[in-house]
Amino acid sequence: MIGKLGILITILSLVFLFFIVISLGAGAFSKKEKKPEIKKYLKSIYVLLVIIALLGSILVLFL
């Protein structure tokens, strides 16, 4: 059975994978100038991913 540390690593790696995929899809790593709508979208997605990572960490470590 996977321990708490394994679950935590899985949650954080999935959040990091979502970060990479969403950033690539929105063109965050491209050299071109990004539209303001895309910047706002990426900022909200980054905040959402941080909240998911924090809540996942808290739930795994304290339960």
N, C-alpha and C. Protein backbone atom coordinates (compact mmCIF):
# COMPACT_ATOMS: atom_id res chain seq x y z
N MET A 1 0.85 -1.18 0.00
CA MET A 1 0.00 0.00 0.00
C MET A 1 0.89 1.24 0.00
N ILE A 2 0.47 2.24 -0.73
CA ILE A 2 1.24 3.48 -0.83
C ILE A 2 1.08 4.27 0.46
N GLY A 3 2.19 4.76 0.98
CA GLY A 3 2.16 5.55 2.21
C GLY A 3 1.80 6.99 1.92
N LYS A 4 1.81 7.78 2.97
CA LYS A 4 1.46 9.19 2.84
C LYS A 4 2.44 9.93 1.93
N LEU A 5 3.71 9.60 2.04
CA LEU A 5 4.71 10.27 1.22
C LEU A 5 4.51 9.96 -0.26
N GLY A 6 4.16 8.75 -0.58
CA GLY A 6 3.89 8.38 -1.97
C GLY A 6 2.69 9.11 -2.53
N ILE A 7 1.64 9.24 -1.74
CA ILE A 7 0.45 9.97 -2.17
C ILE A 7 0.78 11.44 -2.37
N LEU A 8 1.56 12.02 -1.45
CA LEU A 8 1.95 13.43 -1.56
C LEU A 8 2.78 13.67 -2.82
N ILE A 9 3.72 12.80 -3.09
CA ILE A 9 4.55 12.94 -4.29
C ILE A 9 3.70 12.80 -5.55
N THR A 10 2.73 11.91 -5.53
CA THR A 10 1.84 11.73 -6.68
C THR A 10 1.00 12.97 -6.92
N ILE A 11 0.43 13.54 -5.86
CA ILE A 11 -0.39 14.75 -5.98
C ILE A 11 0.44 15.90 -6.53
N LEU A 12 1.63 16.12 -5.97
CA LEU A 12 2.46 17.23 -6.40
C LEU A 12 2.98 17.03 -7.82
N SER A 13 3.28 15.80 -8.20
CA SER A 13 3.74 15.57 -9.57
C SER A 13 2.61 15.76 -10.58
N LEU A 14 1.39 15.37 -10.23
CA LEU A 14 0.26 15.61 -11.12
C LEU A 14 -0.02 17.10 -11.28
N VAL A 15 0.06 17.85 -10.19
CA VAL A 15 -0.13 19.29 -10.27
C VAL A 15 0.94 19.92 -11.16
N PHE A 16 2.20 19.47 -11.00
CA PHE A 16 3.28 19.98 -11.84
C PHE A 16 3.05 19.62 -13.31
N LEU A 17 2.58 18.41 -13.57
CA LEU A 17 2.29 17.98 -14.94
C LEU A 17 1.17 18.83 -15.54
N PHE A 18 0.11 19.10 -14.77
CA PHE A 18 -0.96 19.97 -15.25
C PHE A 18 -0.43 21.37 -15.54
N PHE A 19 0.48 21.87 -14.69
CA PHE A 19 1.08 23.18 -14.90
C PHE A 19 1.82 23.23 -16.24
N ILE A 20 2.62 22.22 -16.52
CA ILE A 20 3.38 22.18 -17.76
C ILE A 20 2.46 22.10 -18.98
N VAL A 21 1.46 21.22 -18.92
CA VAL A 21 0.56 21.03 -20.06
C VAL A 21 -0.25 22.29 -20.33
N ILE A 22 -0.79 22.91 -19.30
CA ILE A 22 -1.60 24.12 -19.49
C ILE A 22 -0.73 25.27 -19.98
N SER A 23 0.49 25.38 -19.45
CA SER A 23 1.38 26.45 -19.89
C SER A 23 1.78 26.27 -21.35
N LEU A 24 2.08 25.04 -21.75
CA LEU A 24 2.42 24.79 -23.15
C LEU A 24 1.22 25.06 -24.06
N GLY A 25 0.06 24.66 -23.63
CA GLY A 25 -1.14 24.87 -24.43
C GLY A 25 -1.50 26.34 -24.61
N ALA A 26 -1.23 27.14 -23.60
CA ALA A 26 -1.54 28.57 -23.66
C ALA A 26 -0.40 29.38 -24.26
N GLY A 27 0.71 28.74 -24.54
CA GLY A 27 1.83 29.43 -25.15
C GLY A 27 2.65 30.25 -24.18
N ALA A 28 2.74 29.83 -22.94
CA ALA A 28 3.47 30.59 -21.93
C ALA A 28 4.97 30.54 -22.16
N PHE A 29 5.47 29.50 -22.82
CA PHE A 29 6.90 29.35 -23.03
C PHE A 29 7.34 29.86 -24.41
N SER A 30 6.41 30.44 -25.17
CA SER A 30 6.77 30.93 -26.50
C SER A 30 7.40 32.32 -26.40
N LYS A 31 8.10 32.70 -27.44
CA LYS A 31 8.79 34.00 -27.48
C LYS A 31 7.83 35.14 -27.83
N LYS A 32 6.69 34.81 -28.40
CA LYS A 32 5.74 35.84 -28.83
C LYS A 32 5.08 36.52 -27.62
N GLU A 33 4.59 37.71 -27.87
CA GLU A 33 3.87 38.46 -26.83
C GLU A 33 2.51 37.80 -26.59
N LYS A 34 2.16 37.67 -25.31
CA LYS A 34 0.88 37.04 -24.96
C LYS A 34 -0.20 38.10 -24.83
N LYS A 35 -1.39 37.72 -25.16
CA LYS A 35 -2.53 38.62 -25.02
C LYS A 35 -2.86 38.78 -23.54
N PRO A 36 -3.48 39.89 -23.16
CA PRO A 36 -3.86 40.09 -21.75
C PRO A 36 -4.84 39.04 -21.24
N GLU A 37 -5.69 38.53 -22.13
CA GLU A 37 -6.65 37.51 -21.71
C GLU A 37 -5.92 36.22 -21.32
N ILE A 38 -4.89 35.89 -22.08
CA ILE A 38 -4.13 34.67 -21.79
C ILE A 38 -3.35 34.84 -20.50
N LYS A 39 -2.78 36.02 -20.26
CA LYS A 39 -2.06 36.27 -19.02
C LYS A 39 -2.98 36.13 -17.81
N LYS A 40 -4.19 36.68 -17.94
CA LYS A 40 -5.16 36.59 -16.84
C LYS A 40 -5.59 35.13 -16.62
N TYR A 41 -5.79 34.39 -17.71
CA TYR A 41 -6.16 32.98 -17.63
C TYR A 41 -5.06 32.17 -16.94
N LEU A 42 -3.81 32.38 -17.35
CA LEU A 42 -2.69 31.64 -16.76
C LEU A 42 -2.53 31.97 -15.29
N LYS A 43 -2.70 33.23 -14.92
CA LYS A 43 -2.58 33.61 -13.51
C LYS A 43 -3.64 32.90 -12.67
N SER A 44 -4.87 32.85 -13.16
CA SER A 44 -5.93 32.18 -12.40
C SER A 44 -5.69 30.67 -12.32
N ILE A 45 -5.16 30.09 -13.39
CA ILE A 45 -4.86 28.66 -13.37
C ILE A 45 -3.73 28.36 -12.40
N TYR A 46 -2.70 29.22 -12.37
CA TYR A 46 -1.59 29.03 -11.43
C TYR A 46 -2.07 29.12 -9.99
N VAL A 47 -2.96 30.05 -9.71
CA VAL A 47 -3.51 30.17 -8.35
C VAL A 47 -4.30 28.93 -8.00
N LEU A 48 -5.10 28.44 -8.94
CA LEU A 48 -5.88 27.23 -8.71
C LEU A 48 -4.98 26.02 -8.44
N LEU A 49 -3.90 25.88 -9.20
CA LEU A 49 -2.98 24.76 -9.00
C LEU A 49 -2.27 24.85 -7.66
N VAL A 50 -1.93 26.06 -7.23
CA VAL A 50 -1.29 26.22 -5.92
C VAL A 50 -2.26 25.84 -4.82
N ILE A 51 -3.52 26.24 -4.96
CA ILE A 51 -4.53 25.89 -3.95
C ILE A 51 -4.72 24.38 -3.90
N ILE A 52 -4.78 23.72 -5.05
CA ILE A 52 -4.92 22.27 -5.09
C ILE A 52 -3.73 21.59 -4.43
N ALA A 53 -2.52 22.08 -4.72
CA ALA A 53 -1.32 21.49 -4.12
C ALA A 53 -1.31 21.68 -2.61
N LEU A 54 -1.68 22.86 -2.14
CA LEU A 54 -1.71 23.11 -0.70
C LEU A 54 -2.75 22.25 0.01
N LEU A 55 -3.94 22.21 -0.54
CA LEU A 55 -5.00 21.40 0.09
C LEU A 55 -4.65 19.92 0.06
N GLY A 56 -4.10 19.45 -1.03
CA GLY A 56 -3.68 18.05 -1.11
C GLY A 56 -2.61 17.74 -0.09
N SER A 57 -1.64 18.65 0.07
CA SER A 57 -0.56 18.44 1.05
C SER A 57 -1.12 18.41 2.47
N ILE A 58 -2.01 19.35 2.75
CA ILE A 58 -2.59 19.40 4.11
C ILE A 58 -3.38 18.14 4.40
N LEU A 59 -4.19 17.71 3.44
CA LEU A 59 -5.01 16.52 3.66
C LEU A 59 -4.16 15.26 3.85
N VAL A 60 -3.09 15.15 3.06
CA VAL A 60 -2.24 13.96 3.16
C VAL A 60 -1.45 13.96 4.45
N LEU A 61 -0.91 15.10 4.83
CA LEU A 61 -0.04 15.14 5.98
C LEU A 61 -0.78 15.10 7.33
N PHE A 62 -2.01 15.62 7.36
CA PHE A 62 -2.71 15.69 8.63
C PHE A 62 -3.82 14.67 8.80
N LEU A 63 -4.11 13.89 7.80
CA LEU A 63 -5.15 12.86 7.95
C LEU A 63 -4.54 11.49 7.99
